[in-house]
Amino acid sequence: MAVTEQQVLEGLKTVNDPEIPVNIVDLGLIYGVKILPDDKVEVTMTLTTKGCGMSYQIAMSAKQSVLKVPGVKEATVHVVWEPAWTPDRMSEEAKKKLGVG
């Protein structure tokens, strides 16, 4: 069975920003998921700030979570800074949890 974007997003929901008690999907840090031939997955994401000291750890955790999705053979995570992240990208659930609104 082919890997789906939804499966990858569910896997990414297991990764939290270490400084914020919300997963990276609900924070709005995931800009895109591409399912490529041969069960390869490419994720484009950002971080809340450019100076985030946990950027490498978050990106590696994202990659590892994608590799745990059944059927994924290879994963690449690209961290981008454009467009810049804003709290508007957060899910309603994340906004409620953090009291943003």
Protein backbone atom coordinates (compact mmCIF):
# COMPACT_ATOMS: atom_id res chain seq x y z
CA MET A 1 0.00 0.00 0.00
CA ALA A 2 1.31 3.44 -0.92
CA VAL A 3 2.31 5.92 1.76
CA THR A 4 -0.10 8.86 2.10
CA GLU A 5 0.41 12.46 3.14
CA GLN A 6 -2.03 11.91 6.02
CA GLN A 7 0.09 9.03 7.37
CA VAL A 8 3.18 11.22 7.25
CA LEU A 9 1.39 14.10 9.02
CA GLU A 10 0.19 11.70 11.73
CA GLY A 11 3.80 10.58 12.19
CA LEU A 12 4.97 14.19 12.40
CA LYS A 13 2.38 14.86 15.11
CA THR A 14 4.54 12.77 17.44
CA VAL A 15 7.22 15.50 17.35
CA ASN A 16 6.85 18.39 19.78
CA ASP A 17 8.77 21.64 19.80
CA PRO A 18 10.88 21.18 22.98
CA GLU A 19 10.09 24.73 24.11
CA ILE A 20 6.34 24.63 23.35
CA PRO A 21 4.07 21.76 24.46
CA VAL A 22 2.47 21.39 21.01
CA ASN A 23 3.37 19.12 18.10
CA ILE A 24 5.01 20.59 14.99
CA VAL A 25 1.98 19.92 12.77
CA ASP A 26 -0.47 21.78 15.02
CA LEU A 27 2.08 24.58 15.45
CA GLY A 28 1.94 25.06 11.69
CA LEU A 29 5.61 24.34 11.14
CA ILE A 30 5.00 21.84 8.32
CA TYR A 31 4.74 23.66 4.99
CA GLY A 32 4.54 20.63 2.74
CA VAL A 33 4.80 16.86 2.36
CA LYS A 34 5.70 15.24 -0.96
CA ILE A 35 5.37 11.53 -1.55
CA LEU A 36 7.97 10.63 -4.18
CA PRO A 37 8.48 7.44 -6.17
CA ASP A 38 10.05 4.47 -4.39
CA ASP A 39 8.37 5.38 -1.06
CA LYS A 40 10.56 8.41 -0.48
CA VAL A 41 9.13 11.36 1.44
CA GLU A 42 10.20 14.99 1.35
CA VAL A 43 9.05 17.34 4.12
CA THR A 44 9.36 21.12 3.98
CA MET A 45 9.12 22.81 7.34
CA THR A 46 10.10 25.89 9.27
CA LEU A 47 10.73 26.77 12.89
CA THR A 48 9.22 29.43 15.11
CA THR A 49 12.41 31.55 15.02
CA LYS A 50 15.62 31.55 12.98
CA GLY A 51 17.72 31.51 16.13
CA CYS A 52 16.04 28.39 17.48
CA GLY A 53 18.75 26.48 19.32
CA MET A 54 16.82 23.25 18.88
CA SER A 55 16.53 23.48 15.09
CA TYR A 56 18.77 20.50 14.32
CA GLN A 57 17.07 18.34 16.97
CA ILE A 58 13.58 19.22 15.73
CA ALA A 59 14.49 18.54 12.08
CA MET A 60 16.12 15.21 12.98
CA SER A 61 13.14 14.20 15.13
CA ALA A 62 10.86 15.04 12.20
CA LYS A 63 12.95 12.88 9.87
CA GLN A 64 12.95 9.97 12.33
CA SER A 65 9.18 10.20 12.79
CA VAL A 66 8.66 10.03 9.01
CA LEU A 67 10.96 7.01 8.74
CA LYS A 68 8.77 5.21 11.31
CA VAL A 69 5.71 5.51 9.04
CA PRO A 70 5.05 2.05 7.55
CA GLY A 71 6.27 1.87 3.97
CA VAL A 72 8.58 4.91 4.04
CA LYS A 73 12.04 3.94 2.83
CA GLU A 74 13.75 7.34 2.79
CA ALA A 75 12.98 10.76 4.26
CA THR A 76 14.38 14.22 3.66
CA VAL A 77 13.51 17.27 5.75
CA HIS A 78 14.14 20.76 4.38
CA VAL A 79 14.04 23.67 6.84
CA VAL A 80 13.05 26.93 5.16
CA TRP A 81 12.59 30.47 6.47
CA GLU A 82 10.23 31.84 3.83
CA PRO A 83 7.44 32.38 4.37
CA ALA A 84 8.20 33.26 7.97
CA TRP A 85 6.21 31.40 10.61
CA THR A 86 3.52 33.34 12.48
CA PRO A 87 1.05 32.21 15.17
CA ASP A 88 -1.69 32.43 12.52
CA ARG A 89 -0.38 29.11 11.13
CA MET A 90 -1.29 27.24 14.33
CA SER A 91 -4.31 24.95 14.47
CA GLU A 92 -7.28 26.07 16.54
CA GLU A 93 -6.44 23.34 19.06
CA ALA A 94 -2.88 24.68 19.45
CA LYS A 95 -4.11 28.25 19.83
CA LYS A 96 -6.49 27.18 22.60
CA LYS A 97 -3.79 25.16 24.36
CA LEU A 98 -1.39 28.11 24.30
CA GLY A 99 -4.00 30.78 24.96
CA VAL A 100 -3.35 32.53 21.64
CA GLY A 101 -6.17 33.93 19.91
